[in-house]
Amino acid sequence: MTGNQYLRELVFPLTDLVVLLSIVAFTLLTALAQAAGLLGLWLGVILAPAVFRYLLMLLEARAYGRVTPVASIEVFGIIENFWSLASLVIFAMLIWGSVLLAARVSPVLAQAFAALVLAIAPASLAVLAITYSPVESFNPATLARMIRACGWRYVLAPLTVVVVLLVTSALASLGAPDVVKLGLRCYALFLLFTFTGALLHASGVKFFLTVENADNAALPQPEDALSRSRRRVMNHAYGFFTRDNRAGAMKHVEAAIKDEPDIDDAYRWYFDEMLKWESRDAALLLAQSWLTRLLDEERDVEAVKLISRCLLENPRFRPLTEDLDAALELAMRMKRDDLARALED
């Protein structure tokens, strides 16, 4: 990360309109919650998980070089996005741990504890955004691999946030308005996530960290030309999808797939990557066209596996209308009564 790149990332939350509006909205809603008493407590309970889910979306978008996502109603889906609450645990540890240590043990120990939590926070958030696993986000071995992968650049993330917080404290001592101080704290919070994502992207690697076998997870490997090309297609499709242009997103991806020498490998790659988005609807839409191909070519085993995977992701998944009868016939022929019942419901 060069000096110019660092400065761009430092001001990114203020220069990207989507992020800036999110900071302003979060600042005003937080100020309202603080002033609303008991009602404000309920507002905070609803707002905090959604904000941290959106921050993880920002981190992931910056890591993969995607366009800035727009917060939608889906960020309020706590059950579907329960894993994202691990980020709240990190900051709860930072705040309440420091408060309790300062009050009951020693202010110096409290500061040391806060520095330690802040030092590992970028790695923990990065692992969480990539693996969707709260357990892995607190796994010391996984965190160590993440820090090694980022190299010396890693220290820039916590140090930058510390500098912003020191500036906030200085302004507070000069009597700056409360809303200004709150806005700077929100900026520091957003910066931690966007800067961490940019740090991953600047490393020029794709992270293959798996939940099932984290101890043996491969270290980051450089992306090849095909992966970079696919990633560019994904970035454009993601932009279409987050702006409610689902048809445009699917058309863009399917056109790219048809141009590939190995269409099945392309379908598999795009499907797996789309499952990492905050909404799995895109992956399931792509699966419908992939299923059409498998049914037309009478690749029964692969088609059944795909239907099973999609129903696992969303029990409401259905093939395209023109493929439904063929899918039902296939399920019965393969003695998969469970799939047939699910598709008939």
Protein backbone atom coordinates (compact mmCIF):
# COMPACT_ATOMS: atom_id res chain seq x y z
CA MET A 1 0.00 0.00 0.00
CA THR A 2 1.62 3.23 -1.19
CA GLY A 3 1.32 6.62 0.50
CA ASN A 4 -1.29 7.77 -2.01
CA GLN A 5 -3.31 4.59 -1.54
CA TYR A 6 -3.16 5.04 2.21
CA LEU A 7 -4.47 8.61 1.98
CA ARG A 8 -7.26 7.51 -0.37
CA GLU A 9 -8.34 4.83 2.06
CA LEU A 10 -8.11 7.25 4.97
CA VAL A 11 -10.68 9.57 3.38
CA PHE A 12 -12.66 6.86 1.58
CA PRO A 13 -15.55 6.86 4.11
CA LEU A 14 -15.91 10.61 3.53
CA THR A 15 -15.52 10.63 -0.25
CA ASP A 16 -17.75 7.66 -1.12
CA LEU A 17 -21.29 9.05 -1.09
CA VAL A 18 -22.94 5.78 -0.04
CA VAL A 19 -20.61 5.35 2.94
CA LEU A 20 -20.81 9.03 3.90
CA LEU A 21 -24.60 8.97 3.95
CA SER A 22 -24.48 5.81 6.06
CA ILE A 23 -22.17 7.51 8.56
CA VAL A 24 -24.48 10.54 8.75
CA ALA A 25 -27.55 8.34 9.19
CA PHE A 26 -25.90 6.20 11.85
CA THR A 27 -24.67 9.29 13.69
CA LEU A 28 -28.13 10.87 13.76
CA LEU A 29 -29.85 7.62 14.77
CA THR A 30 -27.32 7.08 17.56
CA ALA A 31 -27.82 10.63 18.78
CA LEU A 32 -31.58 10.03 18.75
CA ALA A 33 -31.17 6.78 20.69
CA GLN A 34 -29.05 8.52 23.31
CA ALA A 35 -31.67 11.19 23.80
CA ALA A 36 -34.75 8.95 23.74
CA GLY A 37 -34.39 7.13 27.04
CA LEU A 38 -36.06 3.71 27.15
CA LEU A 39 -37.25 4.05 23.56
CA GLY A 40 -33.66 4.74 22.58
CA LEU A 41 -32.58 1.48 24.20
CA TRP A 42 -34.97 -0.44 21.95
CA LEU A 43 -33.74 1.53 18.95
CA GLY A 44 -30.16 0.60 19.81
CA VAL A 45 -31.02 -3.09 20.12
CA ILE A 46 -32.54 -3.03 16.63
CA LEU A 47 -29.96 -0.76 15.05
CA ALA A 48 -26.63 -2.13 16.32
CA PRO A 49 -26.79 -5.62 14.70
CA ALA A 50 -27.89 -4.10 11.38
CA VAL A 51 -25.06 -1.57 11.41
CA PHE A 52 -22.40 -4.17 12.13
CA ARG A 53 -23.84 -6.44 9.43
CA TYR A 54 -23.55 -3.57 6.96
CA LEU A 55 -20.00 -2.82 8.12
CA LEU A 56 -19.03 -6.42 7.35
CA MET A 57 -20.60 -6.00 3.91
CA LEU A 58 -18.38 -2.95 3.40
CA LEU A 59 -15.30 -4.87 4.51
CA GLU A 60 -16.05 -7.71 2.11
CA ALA A 61 -16.74 -5.32 -0.76
CA ARG A 62 -13.45 -3.50 -0.23
CA ALA A 63 -11.56 -6.81 0.09
CA TYR A 64 -12.86 -8.12 -3.25
CA GLY A 65 -12.82 -4.75 -5.04
CA ARG A 66 -16.59 -4.64 -5.43
CA VAL A 67 -18.73 -1.54 -5.67
CA THR A 68 -19.95 -0.10 -2.38
CA PRO A 69 -23.07 -1.97 -1.23
CA VAL A 70 -26.21 -0.09 -0.29
CA ALA A 71 -27.79 -0.99 3.04
CA SER A 72 -31.10 -2.77 2.47
CA ILE A 73 -33.78 -4.31 4.66
CA GLU A 74 -31.82 -7.58 4.60
CA VAL A 75 -29.22 -6.21 7.04
CA PHE A 76 -31.94 -6.31 9.71
CA GLY A 77 -32.33 -10.09 9.31
CA ILE A 78 -30.72 -11.17 12.58
CA ILE A 79 -31.57 -14.87 12.26
CA GLU A 80 -30.09 -15.29 8.78
CA ASN A 81 -27.07 -13.15 9.64
CA PHE A 82 -26.60 -14.35 13.22
CA TRP A 83 -22.91 -15.03 12.55
CA SER A 84 -22.31 -11.29 12.04
CA LEU A 85 -23.12 -10.60 15.69
CA ALA A 86 -19.61 -11.80 16.51
CA SER A 87 -18.41 -8.34 15.51
CA LEU A 88 -20.56 -6.92 18.32
CA VAL A 89 -18.79 -9.22 20.76
CA ILE A 90 -15.42 -7.78 19.72
CA PHE A 91 -16.47 -4.23 20.45
CA ALA A 92 -18.33 -5.20 23.61
CA MET A 93 -15.07 -6.71 24.85
CA LEU A 94 -13.20 -3.56 23.90
CA ILE A 95 -15.60 -1.16 25.63
CA TRP A 96 -16.89 -3.04 28.67
CA GLY A 97 -13.65 -4.86 29.34
CA SER A 98 -11.78 -1.57 29.43
CA VAL A 99 -14.42 0.07 31.64
CA LEU A 100 -14.43 -2.77 34.18
CA LEU A 101 -10.65 -3.02 34.32
CA ALA A 102 -10.28 0.74 34.79
CA ALA A 103 -12.86 0.81 37.56
CA ARG A 104 -11.84 -2.33 39.46
CA VAL A 105 -8.19 -3.03 38.66
CA SER A 106 -6.04 -0.39 36.99
CA PRO A 107 -6.41 2.28 34.27
CA VAL A 108 -3.05 1.20 32.87
CA LEU A 109 -4.20 -2.41 32.57
CA ALA A 110 -7.43 -1.19 30.97
CA GLN A 111 -5.46 0.71 28.33
CA ALA A 112 -3.26 -2.33 27.66
CA PHE A 113 -6.33 -4.54 27.27
CA ALA A 114 -7.96 -2.04 24.88
CA ALA A 115 -4.76 -1.87 22.81
CA LEU A 116 -4.63 -5.68 22.58
CA VAL A 117 -8.26 -6.03 21.48
CA LEU A 118 -7.90 -3.22 18.93
CA ALA A 119 -4.69 -4.80 17.61
CA ILE A 120 -6.39 -8.11 16.79
CA ALA A 121 -9.76 -6.61 15.77
CA PRO A 122 -8.90 -6.13 12.05
CA ALA A 123 -7.75 -9.75 11.72
CA SER A 124 -10.81 -11.03 13.57
CA LEU A 125 -13.19 -8.97 11.43
CA ALA A 126 -11.43 -10.06 8.23
CA VAL A 127 -11.73 -13.75 9.14
CA LEU A 128 -15.38 -13.26 10.09
CA ALA A 129 -16.20 -11.56 6.77
CA ILE A 130 -14.46 -14.31 4.78
CA THR A 131 -15.50 -17.46 6.65
CA TYR A 132 -18.84 -16.33 8.21
CA SER A 133 -17.66 -18.30 11.25
CA PRO A 134 -17.72 -16.64 14.70
CA VAL A 135 -15.60 -19.51 16.04
CA GLU A 136 -12.86 -18.94 13.46
CA SER A 137 -12.92 -15.19 14.07
CA PHE A 138 -11.62 -15.90 17.60
CA ASN A 139 -9.28 -18.75 16.65
CA PRO A 140 -5.71 -17.63 17.49
CA ALA A 141 -4.17 -19.82 14.79
CA THR A 142 -6.46 -18.41 12.10
CA LEU A 143 -5.87 -14.84 13.29
CA ALA A 144 -2.12 -15.40 13.19
CA ARG A 145 -2.32 -16.63 9.59
CA MET A 146 -4.37 -13.61 8.63
CA ILE A 147 -1.88 -11.20 10.20
CA ARG A 148 1.05 -12.95 8.49
CA ALA A 149 -0.77 -12.78 5.16
CA CYS A 150 -1.21 -9.01 5.46
CA GLY A 151 2.42 -8.47 6.46
CA TRP A 152 3.70 -5.19 7.84
CA ARG A 153 0.71 -3.32 6.39
CA TYR A 154 -1.49 -4.88 9.05
CA VAL A 155 -0.34 -2.43 11.75
CA LEU A 156 -1.72 0.45 9.69
CA ALA A 157 -5.34 -0.51 10.42
CA PRO A 158 -5.34 -0.30 14.24
CA LEU A 159 -2.88 2.60 14.31
CA THR A 160 -5.02 4.66 11.93
CA VAL A 161 -8.11 4.12 14.06
CA VAL A 162 -6.17 5.10 17.19
CA VAL A 163 -5.08 8.35 15.55
CA VAL A 164 -8.67 9.22 14.61
CA LEU A 165 -9.83 8.50 18.17
CA LEU A 166 -7.05 10.69 19.58
CA VAL A 167 -8.18 13.51 17.30
CA THR A 168 -11.72 12.99 18.58
CA SER A 169 -10.50 13.23 22.18
CA ALA A 170 -8.60 16.41 21.37
CA LEU A 171 -11.70 17.99 19.85
CA ALA A 172 -13.73 16.90 22.85
CA SER A 173 -11.34 18.68 25.16
CA LEU A 174 -11.74 21.84 23.07
CA GLY A 175 -15.52 21.75 23.53
CA ALA A 176 -16.64 20.47 20.12
CA PRO A 177 -20.40 19.78 19.82
CA ASP A 178 -21.50 16.32 20.86
CA VAL A 179 -22.82 15.49 17.40
CA VAL A 180 -19.39 16.28 15.90
CA LYS A 181 -17.63 14.01 18.39
CA LEU A 182 -20.17 11.26 17.73
CA GLY A 183 -19.74 11.67 13.99
CA LEU A 184 -15.96 11.28 14.28
CA ARG A 185 -16.36 8.13 16.35
CA CYS A 186 -18.69 6.73 13.69
CA TYR A 187 -16.14 7.65 11.04
CA ALA A 188 -13.44 5.79 13.03
CA LEU A 189 -15.69 2.72 13.26
CA PHE A 190 -16.46 2.72 9.53
CA LEU A 191 -12.79 3.35 8.76
CA LEU A 192 -11.75 0.25 10.70
CA PHE A 193 -13.90 -1.93 8.45
CA THR A 194 -13.23 -0.23 5.11
CA PHE A 195 -9.50 0.05 5.78
CA THR A 196 -9.29 -3.62 6.77
CA GLY A 197 -11.02 -4.60 3.54
CA ALA A 198 -8.69 -2.39 1.51
CA LEU A 199 -5.74 -3.95 3.32
CA LEU A 200 -6.81 -7.41 2.17
CA HIS A 201 -7.30 -6.17 -1.37
CA ALA A 202 -3.90 -4.46 -1.40
CA SER A 203 -2.25 -7.77 -0.51
CA GLY A 204 -3.30 -9.03 -3.95
CA VAL A 205 -4.39 -12.42 -2.70
CA LYS A 206 -7.53 -14.52 -2.41
CA PHE A 207 -8.04 -16.12 0.98
CA PHE A 208 -8.93 -19.79 1.08
CA LEU A 209 -9.85 -20.05 4.76
CA THR A 210 -12.30 -22.88 5.36
CA VAL A 211 -14.55 -23.42 8.34
CA GLU A 212 -14.47 -27.22 8.19
CA ASN A 213 -10.69 -27.60 8.32
CA ALA A 214 -9.35 -24.33 9.58
CA ASP A 215 -6.20 -25.81 11.07
CA ASN A 216 -5.12 -26.96 7.62
CA ALA A 217 -6.48 -23.96 5.74
CA ALA A 218 -4.25 -22.97 2.89
CA LEU A 219 -2.38 -19.75 3.06
CA PRO A 220 -3.42 -17.05 0.59
CA GLN A 221 -2.56 -17.75 -3.02
CA PRO A 222 -2.33 -15.29 -5.92
CA GLU A 223 -5.31 -15.29 -8.24
CA ASP A 224 -4.69 -16.44 -11.79
CA ALA A 225 -5.83 -14.56 -14.90
CA LEU A 226 -9.09 -16.50 -15.17
CA SER A 227 -10.01 -15.79 -11.56
CA ARG A 228 -9.25 -12.09 -12.00
CA SER A 229 -11.45 -12.00 -15.10
CA ARG A 230 -14.27 -13.76 -13.26
CA ARG A 231 -13.84 -11.43 -10.30
CA ARG A 232 -14.33 -8.41 -12.54
CA VAL A 233 -17.55 -9.93 -13.87
CA MET A 234 -18.67 -10.59 -10.30
CA ASN A 235 -17.97 -7.01 -9.26
CA HIS A 236 -20.19 -5.65 -12.04
CA ALA A 237 -22.91 -8.21 -11.30
CA TYR A 238 -22.76 -7.36 -7.61
CA GLY A 239 -23.26 -3.71 -8.46
CA PHE A 240 -26.33 -4.53 -10.55
CA PHE A 241 -27.74 -6.82 -7.86
CA THR A 242 -27.32 -4.42 -4.94
CA ARG A 243 -29.13 -1.76 -6.96
CA ASP A 244 -32.12 -4.07 -7.47
CA ASN A 245 -31.26 -4.86 -11.09
CA ARG A 246 -31.36 -8.64 -10.70
CA ALA A 247 -32.07 -9.28 -14.36
CA GLY A 248 -29.02 -7.22 -15.34
CA ALA A 249 -26.81 -9.07 -12.87
CA MET A 250 -27.89 -12.50 -14.13
CA LYS A 251 -27.58 -11.49 -17.77
CA HIS A 252 -24.04 -10.22 -17.18
CA VAL A 253 -22.91 -13.41 -15.42
CA GLU A 254 -24.60 -15.82 -17.83
CA ALA A 255 -23.08 -14.02 -20.81
CA ALA A 256 -19.62 -14.42 -19.26
CA ILE A 257 -20.24 -18.11 -18.53
CA LYS A 258 -21.18 -18.81 -22.17
CA ASP A 259 -17.83 -17.36 -23.28
CA GLU A 260 -15.81 -19.71 -21.07
CA PRO A 261 -14.22 -22.92 -22.40
CA ASP A 262 -15.44 -24.93 -19.38
CA ILE A 263 -19.02 -23.82 -18.79
CA ASP A 264 -19.67 -26.23 -15.92
CA ASP A 265 -16.60 -25.05 -14.02
CA ALA A 266 -17.73 -21.47 -14.59
CA TYR A 267 -21.23 -22.17 -13.27
CA ARG A 268 -19.74 -23.86 -10.21
CA TRP A 269 -17.34 -20.98 -9.52
CA TYR A 270 -19.93 -18.21 -9.86
CA PHE A 271 -22.49 -20.18 -7.84
CA ASP A 272 -20.06 -20.74 -4.95
CA GLU A 273 -18.94 -17.12 -4.95
CA MET A 274 -22.49 -15.76 -5.05
CA LEU A 275 -23.34 -17.84 -2.00
CA LYS A 276 -20.89 -15.59 -0.11
CA TRP A 277 -22.99 -12.50 -0.81
CA GLU A 278 -25.16 -11.13 1.97
CA SER A 279 -28.18 -12.29 -0.05
CA ARG A 280 -28.10 -15.80 -1.51
CA ASP A 281 -30.89 -14.98 -3.97
CA ALA A 282 -28.37 -14.31 -6.76
CA ALA A 283 -26.79 -17.75 -6.39
CA LEU A 284 -30.20 -19.41 -6.45
CA LEU A 285 -31.22 -17.50 -9.58
CA LEU A 286 -28.03 -18.63 -11.28
CA ALA A 287 -28.70 -22.20 -10.11
CA GLN A 288 -31.98 -22.19 -12.05
CA SER A 289 -30.20 -21.70 -15.37
CA TRP A 290 -27.46 -24.17 -14.37
CA LEU A 291 -30.15 -26.72 -13.54
CA THR A 292 -31.71 -26.23 -16.97
CA ARG A 293 -28.37 -27.20 -18.53
CA LEU A 294 -28.00 -30.27 -16.32
CA LEU A 295 -31.55 -31.46 -17.04
CA ASP A 296 -31.18 -30.95 -20.79
CA GLU A 297 -27.98 -33.02 -20.77
CA GLU A 298 -29.58 -35.69 -18.52
CA ARG A 299 -26.87 -35.37 -15.90
CA ASP A 300 -29.15 -36.71 -13.22
CA VAL A 301 -26.77 -37.05 -10.27
CA GLU A 302 -25.41 -33.53 -10.67
CA ALA A 303 -28.90 -32.11 -11.07
CA VAL A 304 -30.12 -33.81 -7.88
CA LYS A 305 -27.11 -32.55 -5.95
CA LEU A 306 -27.74 -29.01 -7.16
CA ILE A 307 -31.43 -29.12 -6.23
CA SER A 308 -30.54 -30.48 -2.78
CA ARG A 309 -27.97 -27.73 -2.22
CA CYS A 310 -30.39 -25.00 -3.26
CA LEU A 311 -33.19 -26.33 -1.05
CA LEU A 312 -30.74 -26.41 1.83
CA GLU A 313 -29.91 -22.75 1.24
CA ASN A 314 -33.57 -21.79 0.83
CA PRO A 315 -36.48 -24.26 1.15
CA ARG A 316 -38.51 -22.00 -1.16
CA PHE A 317 -36.15 -22.63 -4.08
CA ARG A 318 -37.87 -23.87 -7.22
CA PRO A 319 -36.58 -24.64 -10.73
CA LEU A 320 -37.76 -22.51 -13.63
CA THR A 321 -41.42 -23.13 -14.47
CA GLU A 322 -40.54 -24.99 -17.66
CA ASP A 323 -38.12 -27.24 -15.69
CA LEU A 324 -40.36 -28.09 -12.74
CA ASP A 325 -41.96 -31.19 -14.24
CA ALA A 326 -38.59 -32.55 -15.36
CA ALA A 327 -37.13 -31.91 -11.89
CA LEU A 328 -40.04 -33.71 -10.20
CA GLU A 329 -39.71 -36.65 -12.58
CA LEU A 330 -35.99 -36.79 -11.89
CA ALA A 331 -36.52 -36.76 -8.11
CA MET A 332 -38.96 -39.66 -8.36
CA ARG A 333 -36.70 -41.60 -10.73
CA MET A 334 -33.76 -41.18 -8.35
CA LYS A 335 -35.97 -42.25 -5.43
CA ARG A 336 -35.60 -38.86 -3.78
CA ASP A 337 -39.10 -38.53 -2.41
CA ASP A 338 -37.89 -35.80 -0.03
CA LEU A 339 -36.93 -33.59 -2.95
CA ALA A 340 -40.17 -34.33 -4.78
CA ARG A 341 -42.22 -33.35 -1.74
CA ALA A 342 -40.22 -30.18 -1.28
CA LEU A 343 -40.67 -29.16 -4.92
CA GLU A 344 -44.40 -29.92 -4.84
CA ASP A 345 -45.12 -27.89 -1.71
